[in-house]
Amino acid sequence: MNAGKSTVLLQSSYNYRERGMNTLLFAPAIDNRYEKGTISSRIGLSETAIVFESKDDLYSITSNQQQSIACVLIDEAQFLTKDQVYQLTEITDKLSIPVLTYGLRTDFRGDLFEGSQHLLAWADELVEIKTICHCGSKASMMLRIDEAGHVISEGEQVVIGGNNMYVSTCRKHYKQKEPGALDFTKNLQAQHEEVSV
């Protein structure tokens, strides 16, 4: 969370398009924080994307495009299924189109998401986009918090939310269930903005 994954994705797409190449962007239907069919970053950048469900075949969608595709980019890749990750490898191996995916590795319980598990196993290259914990160390874990700022340790793996629900921390503070000082005014404002979109 808060490492700038969507911003990097949008910058990568822009770099291809600036050179006259077409990109194909995918965003999961489950992520309803922003306008459907749009990948948005917290700094205000956005671009249209194809919305996919867990049953969709990303290889077929890509191979059936009317225009030549130079790169496929996937936002919130943790929500991919095992089959969809395999389909992405087919896009690279059979269509010779690079695929760049951006997402979280683990959930608030420290468990791998299905998509992340198979991306870690099958990806040609892994690049970590870093963010920091409140202590200044690298944040590699994520805490889920309630409206009062208390850490939630149980519940469904997927609950869509932003800064109002999740805090990135280092492993030490994750184990201690210590999210650091929270700016609830900012969190509530973010929650209000997400609801009003």
C-alpha atoms as a PDB file:
ATOM      1  CA  MET A   1       0.000   0.000   0.000  1.00  0.00           C
ATOM      2  CA  ASN A   2       1.085   3.573  -0.769  1.00  0.00           C
ATOM      3  CA  ALA A   3       4.184   2.590  -2.749  1.00  0.00           C
ATOM      4  CA  GLY A   4       2.964   4.230  -5.966  1.00  0.00           C
ATOM      5  CA  LYS A   5       2.230   1.025  -7.913  1.00  0.00           C
ATOM      6  CA  SER A   6      -0.577   2.535  -9.998  1.00  0.00           C
ATOM      7  CA  THR A   7       1.489   5.644 -10.663  1.00  0.00           C
ATOM      8  CA  VAL A   8       4.369   3.509 -11.980  1.00  0.00           C
ATOM      9  CA  LEU A   9       1.926   1.488 -14.113  1.00  0.00           C
ATOM     10  CA  LEU A  10       0.456   4.658 -15.628  1.00  0.00           C
ATOM     11  CA  GLN A  11       3.935   6.081 -16.255  1.00  0.00           C
ATOM     12  CA  SER A  12       4.965   2.862 -18.013  1.00  0.00           C
ATOM     13  CA  SER A  13       1.871   3.001 -20.225  1.00  0.00           C
ATOM     14  CA  TYR A  14       2.575   6.655 -21.012  1.00  0.00           C
ATOM     15  CA  ASN A  15       6.179   5.832 -21.993  1.00  0.00           C
ATOM     16  CA  TYR A  16       4.971   3.276 -24.550  1.00  0.00           C
ATOM     17  CA  ARG A  17       2.255   5.552 -25.941  1.00  0.00           C
ATOM     18  CA  GLU A  18       4.671   8.477 -26.200  1.00  0.00           C
ATOM     19  CA  ARG A  19       6.659   6.347 -28.638  1.00  0.00           C
ATOM     20  CA  GLY A  20       3.565   5.547 -30.714  1.00  0.00           C
ATOM     21  CA  MET A  21       2.953   2.082 -29.236  1.00  0.00           C
ATOM     22  CA  ASN A  22      -0.380   0.800 -27.942  1.00  0.00           C
ATOM     23  CA  THR A  23      -0.795  -0.568 -24.435  1.00  0.00           C
ATOM     24  CA  LEU A  24      -3.592  -2.697 -23.025  1.00  0.00           C
ATOM     25  CA  LEU A  25      -4.505  -1.995 -19.407  1.00  0.00           C
ATOM     26  CA  PHE A  26      -6.525  -4.312 -17.170  1.00  0.00           C
ATOM     27  CA  ALA A  27      -8.145  -3.529 -13.811  1.00  0.00           C
ATOM     28  CA  PRO A  28     -10.069  -6.017 -11.631  1.00  0.00           C
ATOM     29  CA  ALA A  29     -13.819  -5.519 -11.264  1.00  0.00           C
ATOM     30  CA  ILE A  30     -13.542  -6.228  -7.536  1.00  0.00           C
ATOM     31  CA  ASP A  31     -11.597  -2.988  -6.945  1.00  0.00           C
ATOM     32  CA  ASN A  32     -14.441  -0.478  -6.725  1.00  0.00           C
ATOM     33  CA  ARG A  33     -12.567   2.413  -5.103  1.00  0.00           C
ATOM     34  CA  TYR A  34     -12.502   4.493  -8.283  1.00  0.00           C
ATOM     35  CA  GLU A  35     -14.510   4.860 -11.449  1.00  0.00           C
ATOM     36  CA  LYS A  36     -15.114   1.468 -13.085  1.00  0.00           C
ATOM     37  CA  GLY A  37     -12.858   0.916 -16.060  1.00  0.00           C
ATOM     38  CA  THR A  38     -10.251   3.403 -14.850  1.00  0.00           C
ATOM     39  CA  ILE A  39      -6.877   2.929 -13.212  1.00  0.00           C
ATOM     40  CA  SER A  40      -6.294   5.863 -10.874  1.00  0.00           C
ATOM     41  CA  SER A  41      -3.328   6.870  -8.763  1.00  0.00           C
ATOM     42  CA  ARG A  42      -3.442   8.810  -5.511  1.00  0.00           C
ATOM     43  CA  ILE A  43      -1.601  11.704  -7.184  1.00  0.00           C
ATOM     44  CA  GLY A  44      -4.405  12.229  -9.697  1.00  0.00           C
ATOM     45  CA  LEU A  45      -3.257  10.323 -12.792  1.00  0.00           C
ATOM     46  CA  SER A  46      -5.742   8.005 -14.494  1.00  0.00           C
ATOM     47  CA  GLU A  47      -6.252   5.989 -17.662  1.00  0.00           C
ATOM     48  CA  THR A  48      -8.990   3.807 -19.112  1.00  0.00           C
ATOM     49  CA  ALA A  49      -8.651   0.051 -18.567  1.00  0.00           C
ATOM     50  CA  ILE A  50     -10.495  -3.133 -19.448  1.00  0.00           C
ATOM     51  CA  VAL A  51     -12.310  -4.411 -16.375  1.00  0.00           C
ATOM     52  CA  PHE A  52     -11.857  -8.125 -15.757  1.00  0.00           C
ATOM     53  CA  GLU A  53     -13.664 -10.679 -13.616  1.00  0.00           C
ATOM     54  CA  SER A  54     -12.090 -13.858 -12.228  1.00  0.00           C
ATOM     55  CA  LYS A  55     -13.707 -15.913 -15.022  1.00  0.00           C
ATOM     56  CA  ASP A  56     -12.300 -13.793 -17.889  1.00  0.00           C
ATOM     57  CA  ASP A  57      -9.596 -15.140 -20.205  1.00  0.00           C
ATOM     58  CA  LEU A  58      -6.959 -12.419 -20.446  1.00  0.00           C
ATOM     59  CA  TYR A  59      -5.082 -14.240 -23.206  1.00  0.00           C
ATOM     60  CA  SER A  60      -8.200 -14.309 -25.417  1.00  0.00           C
ATOM     61  CA  ILE A  61      -9.017 -10.662 -24.721  1.00  0.00           C
ATOM     62  CA  THR A  62      -5.459  -9.651 -25.610  1.00  0.00           C
ATOM     63  CA  SER A  63      -5.157 -11.807 -28.724  1.00  0.00           C
ATOM     64  CA  ASN A  64      -8.508 -10.512 -30.043  1.00  0.00           C
ATOM     65  CA  GLN A  65      -7.499  -6.829 -29.955  1.00  0.00           C
ATOM     66  CA  GLN A  66      -7.890  -5.034 -33.290  1.00  0.00           C
ATOM     67  CA  GLN A  67      -4.705  -3.024 -32.818  1.00  0.00           C
ATOM     68  CA  SER A  68      -1.124  -4.115 -32.282  1.00  0.00           C
ATOM     69  CA  ILE A  69      -0.306  -4.240 -28.545  1.00  0.00           C
ATOM     70  CA  ALA A  70       3.205  -3.404 -27.352  1.00  0.00           C
ATOM     71  CA  CYS A  71       2.634  -4.096 -23.651  1.00  0.00           C
ATOM     72  CA  VAL A  72      -0.068  -5.428 -21.302  1.00  0.00           C
ATOM     73  CA  LEU A  73      -0.299  -3.817 -17.858  1.00  0.00           C
ATOM     74  CA  ILE A  74      -2.328  -5.210 -14.940  1.00  0.00           C
ATOM     75  CA  ASP A  75      -3.337  -3.159 -11.884  1.00  0.00           C
ATOM     76  CA  GLU A  76      -4.093  -4.827  -8.520  1.00  0.00           C
ATOM     77  CA  ALA A  77      -2.591  -8.096  -9.782  1.00  0.00           C
ATOM     78  CA  GLN A  78      -3.131  -9.797  -6.424  1.00  0.00           C
ATOM     79  CA  PHE A  79      -6.748 -10.338  -7.550  1.00  0.00           C
ATOM     80  CA  LEU A  80      -5.750 -12.493 -10.540  1.00  0.00           C
ATOM     81  CA  THR A  81      -6.587 -16.193 -10.427  1.00  0.00           C
ATOM     82  CA  LYS A  82      -4.027 -18.934 -10.972  1.00  0.00           C
ATOM     83  CA  ASP A  83      -5.494 -19.515 -14.446  1.00  0.00           C
ATOM     84  CA  GLN A  84      -5.214 -15.821 -15.300  1.00  0.00           C
ATOM     85  CA  VAL A  85      -1.565 -15.706 -14.264  1.00  0.00           C
ATOM     86  CA  TYR A  86      -0.979 -18.670 -16.571  1.00  0.00           C
ATOM     87  CA  GLN A  87      -2.815 -16.767 -19.342  1.00  0.00           C
ATOM     88  CA  LEU A  88      -0.416 -13.855 -18.814  1.00  0.00           C
ATOM     89  CA  THR A  89       2.540 -16.190 -19.320  1.00  0.00           C
ATOM     90  CA  GLU A  90       0.911 -17.289 -22.581  1.00  0.00           C
ATOM     91  CA  ILE A  91       0.629 -13.649 -23.695  1.00  0.00           C
ATOM     92  CA  THR A  92       4.385 -13.312 -23.219  1.00  0.00           C
ATOM     93  CA  ASP A  93       5.380 -16.733 -24.551  1.00  0.00           C
ATOM     94  CA  LYS A  94       2.986 -17.092 -27.505  1.00  0.00           C
ATOM     95  CA  LEU A  95       2.239 -13.479 -28.484  1.00  0.00           C
ATOM     96  CA  SER A  96       5.662 -12.064 -27.551  1.00  0.00           C
ATOM     97  CA  ILE A  97       4.017  -9.188 -25.673  1.00  0.00           C
ATOM     98  CA  PRO A  98       5.590  -8.112 -22.373  1.00  0.00           C
ATOM     99  CA  VAL A  99       3.232  -8.170 -19.389  1.00  0.00           C
ATOM    100  CA  LEU A 100       3.804  -5.866 -16.411  1.00  0.00           C
ATOM    101  CA  THR A 101       1.758  -6.544 -13.288  1.00  0.00           C
ATOM    102  CA  TYR A 102       1.432  -4.352 -10.206  1.00  0.00           C
ATOM    103  CA  GLY A 103      -0.064  -5.499  -6.933  1.00  0.00           C
ATOM    104  CA  LEU A 104       0.323  -6.502  -3.324  1.00  0.00           C
ATOM    105  CA  ARG A 105       2.215  -9.596  -2.247  1.00  0.00           C
ATOM    106  CA  THR A 106       0.386 -10.366   1.004  1.00  0.00           C
ATOM    107  CA  ASP A 107      -2.873  -9.538   2.748  1.00  0.00           C
ATOM    108  CA  PHE A 108      -3.406  -8.066   6.228  1.00  0.00           C
ATOM    109  CA  ARG A 109      -2.858 -11.520   7.766  1.00  0.00           C
ATOM    110  CA  GLY A 110       0.536 -11.891   6.066  1.00  0.00           C
ATOM    111  CA  ASP A 111      -0.817 -14.540   3.654  1.00  0.00           C
ATOM    112  CA  LEU A 112      -0.169 -14.517  -0.082  1.00  0.00           C
ATOM    113  CA  PHE A 113      -3.005 -13.606  -2.419  1.00  0.00           C
ATOM    114  CA  GLU A 114      -3.712 -16.250  -5.101  1.00  0.00           C
ATOM    115  CA  GLY A 115      -2.546 -14.005  -7.922  1.00  0.00           C
ATOM    116  CA  SER A 116       0.579 -12.946  -6.042  1.00  0.00           C
ATOM    117  CA  GLN A 117       1.495 -16.533  -5.208  1.00  0.00           C
ATOM    118  CA  HIS A 118       1.514 -17.577  -8.848  1.00  0.00           C
ATOM    119  CA  LEU A 119       3.169 -14.398 -10.082  1.00  0.00           C
ATOM    120  CA  LEU A 120       5.989 -14.970  -7.587  1.00  0.00           C
ATOM    121  CA  ALA A 121       6.320 -18.538  -8.873  1.00  0.00           C
ATOM    122  CA  TRP A 122       6.117 -17.888 -12.631  1.00  0.00           C
ATOM    123  CA  ALA A 123       7.307 -14.326 -13.293  1.00  0.00           C
ATOM    124  CA  ASP A 124      10.481 -13.813 -15.326  1.00  0.00           C
ATOM    125  CA  GLU A 125      11.485 -10.860 -13.151  1.00  0.00           C
ATOM    126  CA  LEU A 126      10.373  -9.362  -9.844  1.00  0.00           C
ATOM    127  CA  VAL A 127      10.865  -5.700  -8.962  1.00  0.00           C
ATOM    128  CA  GLU A 128       9.804  -4.444  -5.561  1.00  0.00           C
ATOM    129  CA  ILE A 129       8.348  -0.939  -5.329  1.00  0.00           C
ATOM    130  CA  LYS A 130       9.099   0.207  -1.814  1.00  0.00           C
ATOM    131  CA  THR A 131       7.274   2.298   0.719  1.00  0.00           C
ATOM    132  CA  ILE A 132       8.175   3.014   4.332  1.00  0.00           C
ATOM    133  CA  CYS A 133       6.830   2.238   7.773  1.00  0.00           C
ATOM    134  CA  HIS A 134       6.133   4.982  10.315  1.00  0.00           C
ATOM    135  CA  CYS A 135       9.529   4.143  11.854  1.00  0.00           C
ATOM    136  CA  GLY A 136      11.348   4.824   8.586  1.00  0.00           C
ATOM    137  CA  SER A 137      12.164   1.174   7.804  1.00  0.00           C
ATOM    138  CA  LYS A 138      11.020  -0.536   4.623  1.00  0.00           C
ATOM    139  CA  ALA A 139       7.336  -1.468   4.879  1.00  0.00           C
ATOM    140  CA  SER A 140       6.702  -5.017   3.683  1.00  0.00           C
ATOM    141  CA  MET A 141       3.509  -5.814   5.608  1.00  0.00           C
ATOM    142  CA  MET A 142       0.044  -4.331   5.904  1.00  0.00           C
ATOM    143  CA  LEU A 143      -2.259  -3.851   8.883  1.00  0.00           C
ATOM    144  CA  ARG A 144      -6.040  -3.567   8.544  1.00  0.00           C
ATOM    145  CA  ILE A 145      -7.526  -1.027  10.935  1.00  0.00           C
ATOM    146  CA  ASP A 146     -11.062  -0.159  11.986  1.00  0.00           C
ATOM    147  CA  GLU A 147     -12.601   3.337  12.200  1.00  0.00           C
ATOM    148  CA  ALA A 148     -11.147   3.840  15.695  1.00  0.00           C
ATOM    149  CA  GLY A 149      -7.633   2.880  14.582  1.00  0.00           C
ATOM    150  CA  HIS A 150      -7.635  -0.578  16.192  1.00  0.00           C
ATOM    151  CA  VAL A 151      -5.845  -3.352  14.326  1.00  0.00           C
ATOM    152  CA  ILE A 152      -8.105  -6.051  12.880  1.00  0.00           C
ATOM    153  CA  SER A 153      -6.531  -9.521  12.785  1.00  0.00           C
ATOM    154  CA  GLU A 154      -9.458 -11.641  11.545  1.00  0.00           C
ATOM    155  CA  GLY A 155     -11.899 -11.441   8.685  1.00  0.00           C
ATOM    156  CA  GLU A 156     -12.293 -11.874   4.957  1.00  0.00           C
ATOM    157  CA  GLN A 157      -9.084 -11.745   2.942  1.00  0.00           C
ATOM    158  CA  VAL A 158     -10.465  -9.156   0.545  1.00  0.00           C
ATOM    159  CA  VAL A 159     -12.089  -6.005   1.860  1.00  0.00           C
ATOM    160  CA  ILE A 160     -11.600  -3.144  -0.568  1.00  0.00           C
ATOM    161  CA  GLY A 161     -10.333   0.038   1.023  1.00  0.00           C
ATOM    162  CA  GLY A 162      -7.561   2.577   1.025  1.00  0.00           C
ATOM    163  CA  ASN A 163      -5.754   4.712   3.582  1.00  0.00           C
ATOM    164  CA  ASN A 164      -8.840   4.633   5.782  1.00  0.00           C
ATOM    165  CA  MET A 165      -8.502   0.847   6.291  1.00  0.00           C
ATOM    166  CA  TYR A 166      -4.892  -0.188   5.695  1.00  0.00           C
ATOM    167  CA  VAL A 167      -1.496   0.914   6.979  1.00  0.00           C
ATOM    168  CA  SER A 168       1.844  -0.239   5.562  1.00  0.00           C
ATOM    169  CA  THR A 169       4.372  -1.261   8.204  1.00  0.00           C
ATOM    170  CA  CYS A 170       7.681  -3.040   8.603  1.00  0.00           C
ATOM    171  CA  ARG A 171       7.588  -6.650   9.803  1.00  0.00           C
ATOM    172  CA  LYS A 172       8.496  -5.662  13.374  1.00  0.00           C
ATOM    173  CA  HIS A 173       5.576  -3.240  13.734  1.00  0.00           C
ATOM    174  CA  TYR A 174       3.268  -5.664  11.920  1.00  0.00           C
ATOM    175  CA  LYS A 175       4.073  -8.302  14.570  1.00  0.00           C
ATOM    176  CA  GLN A 176       3.533  -5.724  17.327  1.00  0.00           C
ATOM    177  CA  LYS A 177       0.245  -4.631  15.650  1.00  0.00           C
ATOM    178  CA  GLU A 178       1.485  -1.047  15.801  1.00  0.00           C
ATOM    179  CA  PRO A 179       0.222   1.132  12.922  1.00  0.00           C
ATOM    180  CA  GLY A 180       1.901   4.262  14.271  1.00  0.00           C
ATOM    181  CA  ALA A 181       0.236   7.627  14.688  1.00  0.00           C
ATOM    182  CA  LEU A 182      -2.764   7.814  12.405  1.00  0.00           C
ATOM    183  CA  ASP A 183      -4.175  11.007  10.955  1.00  0.00           C
ATOM    184  CA  PHE A 184      -7.867  10.157  11.219  1.00  0.00           C
ATOM    185  CA  THR A 185      -8.881  13.477   9.680  1.00  0.00           C
ATOM    186  CA  LYS A 186      -6.957  12.496   6.561  1.00  0.00           C
ATOM    187  CA  ASN A 187      -8.241   8.914   6.736  1.00  0.00           C
ATOM    188  CA  LEU A 188     -11.848  10.027   7.113  1.00  0.00           C
ATOM    189  CA  GLN A 189     -11.414  12.511   4.268  1.00  0.00           C
ATOM    190  CA  ALA A 190      -9.987   9.717   2.089  1.00  0.00           C
ATOM    191  CA  GLN A 191     -12.907   7.491   3.074  1.00  0.00           C
ATOM    192  CA  HIS A 192     -15.373  10.237   2.164  1.00  0.00           C
ATOM    193  CA  GLU A 193     -13.658  10.824  -1.187  1.00  0.00           C
ATOM    194  CA  GLU A 194     -13.723   7.111  -1.988  1.00  0.00           C
ATOM    195  CA  VAL A 195     -17.414   6.836  -1.183  1.00  0.00           C
ATOM    196  CA  SER A 196     -18.322   9.927  -3.216  1.00  0.00           C
ATOM    197  CA  VAL A 197     -16.551   8.773  -6.394  1.00  0.00           C
END
